[in-house]
């Protein structure tokens, strides 16, 4: 139900606004969570099915081959997560 999800997001925002010190802690913990997405091309995981010999179907996920690379971003070196296809094609200027 989209209404309940939106309400939960609003409650979380209110909770973050009320606690000044807690807001900083929550932002730090959210920064530690890294998504499996390339910082340059935006390529993310693909989803599909495993199919066994007996034709049992289970969900699976193909992750992107991400590498942590020190690259030049706006003139400064920064560590970013980039997929290997972006590294191969030269979309990244390594620092």
Protein backbone atom coordinates (compact mmCIF):
# COMPACT_ATOMS: atom_id res chain seq x y z
CA UNK A 1 0.00 0.00 0.00
CA UNK A 2 1.69 3.20 -1.12
CA UNK A 3 -0.05 5.39 1.47
CA UNK A 4 1.44 3.49 4.41
CA UNK A 5 4.93 3.55 2.94
CA UNK A 6 4.73 7.30 2.43
CA UNK A 7 3.49 7.72 6.00
CA UNK A 8 6.44 5.69 7.32
CA UNK A 9 8.88 7.90 5.40
CA UNK A 10 7.26 11.01 6.83
CA UNK A 11 7.49 9.61 10.37
CA UNK A 12 11.18 8.84 9.85
CA UNK A 13 11.84 12.38 8.61
CA UNK A 14 10.05 13.85 11.64
CA UNK A 15 12.05 11.63 13.98
CA UNK A 16 15.28 12.74 12.30
CA UNK A 17 14.32 16.41 12.55
CA UNK A 18 13.50 16.13 16.27
CA UNK A 19 16.80 14.57 17.36
CA UNK A 20 19.71 16.77 16.28
CA UNK A 21 22.49 14.42 17.41
CA UNK A 22 20.59 11.33 16.29
CA UNK A 23 20.21 12.80 12.82
CA UNK A 24 23.98 12.96 12.43
CA UNK A 25 24.36 9.32 13.60
CA UNK A 26 21.70 8.10 11.18
CA UNK A 27 23.31 9.91 8.25
CA UNK A 28 26.66 8.32 9.07
CA UNK A 29 25.14 4.83 9.17
CA UNK A 30 23.35 5.40 5.86
CA UNK A 31 26.62 6.48 4.23
CA UNK A 32 28.25 3.18 5.24
CA UNK A 33 25.63 1.20 3.31
CA UNK A 34 26.93 0.87 -0.24
CA UNK A 35 24.67 0.00 -3.11
CA UNK A 36 25.80 -2.28 -5.92
CA UNK A 37 25.64 0.51 -8.50
CA UNK A 38 28.40 1.93 -10.70
CA UNK A 39 29.09 5.60 -9.89
CA UNK A 40 29.68 6.45 -13.57
CA UNK A 41 27.19 4.56 -15.74
CA UNK A 42 24.63 3.63 -13.06
CA UNK A 43 24.70 -0.06 -13.93
CA UNK A 44 23.10 -2.11 -11.15
CA UNK A 45 22.29 -5.74 -10.40
CA UNK A 46 20.09 -7.80 -12.70
CA UNK A 47 17.53 -10.26 -11.41
CA UNK A 48 16.36 -13.57 -12.81
CA UNK A 49 15.78 -17.22 -12.03
CA UNK A 50 17.90 -20.27 -11.27
CA UNK A 51 16.37 -23.28 -12.98
CA UNK A 52 17.48 -26.69 -11.74
CA UNK A 53 17.48 -29.93 -13.72
CA UNK A 54 14.16 -30.79 -12.05
CA UNK A 55 12.92 -27.36 -13.19
CA UNK A 56 12.71 -25.95 -9.68
CA UNK A 57 12.76 -22.18 -10.05
CA UNK A 58 14.35 -19.91 -7.45
CA UNK A 59 15.11 -16.22 -7.67
CA UNK A 60 18.72 -15.11 -8.10
CA UNK A 61 20.71 -11.97 -8.71
CA UNK A 62 23.65 -11.12 -10.97
CA UNK A 63 25.82 -8.49 -9.33
CA UNK A 64 27.90 -5.95 -11.22
CA UNK A 65 31.69 -6.38 -11.10
CA UNK A 66 32.48 -3.22 -9.12
CA UNK A 67 35.99 -2.12 -8.23
CA UNK A 68 37.02 0.61 -5.80
CA UNK A 69 39.14 3.02 -7.85
CA UNK A 70 40.91 6.23 -6.89
CA UNK A 71 39.87 8.62 -9.67
CA UNK A 72 39.98 12.31 -10.45
CA UNK A 73 36.62 13.89 -9.71
CA UNK A 74 36.40 17.67 -10.25
CA UNK A 75 40.18 17.99 -9.99
CA UNK A 76 40.46 16.08 -6.69
CA UNK A 77 41.24 12.40 -6.21
CA UNK A 78 38.34 10.48 -4.73
CA UNK A 79 37.63 6.79 -4.18
CA UNK A 80 34.62 5.70 -6.24
CA UNK A 81 33.05 2.36 -7.12
CA UNK A 82 33.17 1.71 -10.84
CA UNK A 83 32.20 -1.29 -12.96
CA UNK A 84 34.93 -3.01 -14.96
CA UNK A 85 33.33 -2.09 -18.29
CA UNK A 86 33.76 1.62 -17.43
CA UNK A 87 37.39 1.00 -16.49
CA UNK A 88 38.04 -0.88 -19.75
CA UNK A 89 36.45 1.77 -21.95
CA UNK A 90 38.46 4.55 -20.27
CA UNK A 91 35.55 6.46 -18.74
CA UNK A 92 37.61 6.77 -15.53
CA UNK A 93 40.65 9.03 -15.14
CA UNK A 94 42.65 7.22 -12.46
CA UNK A 95 44.46 9.38 -9.90
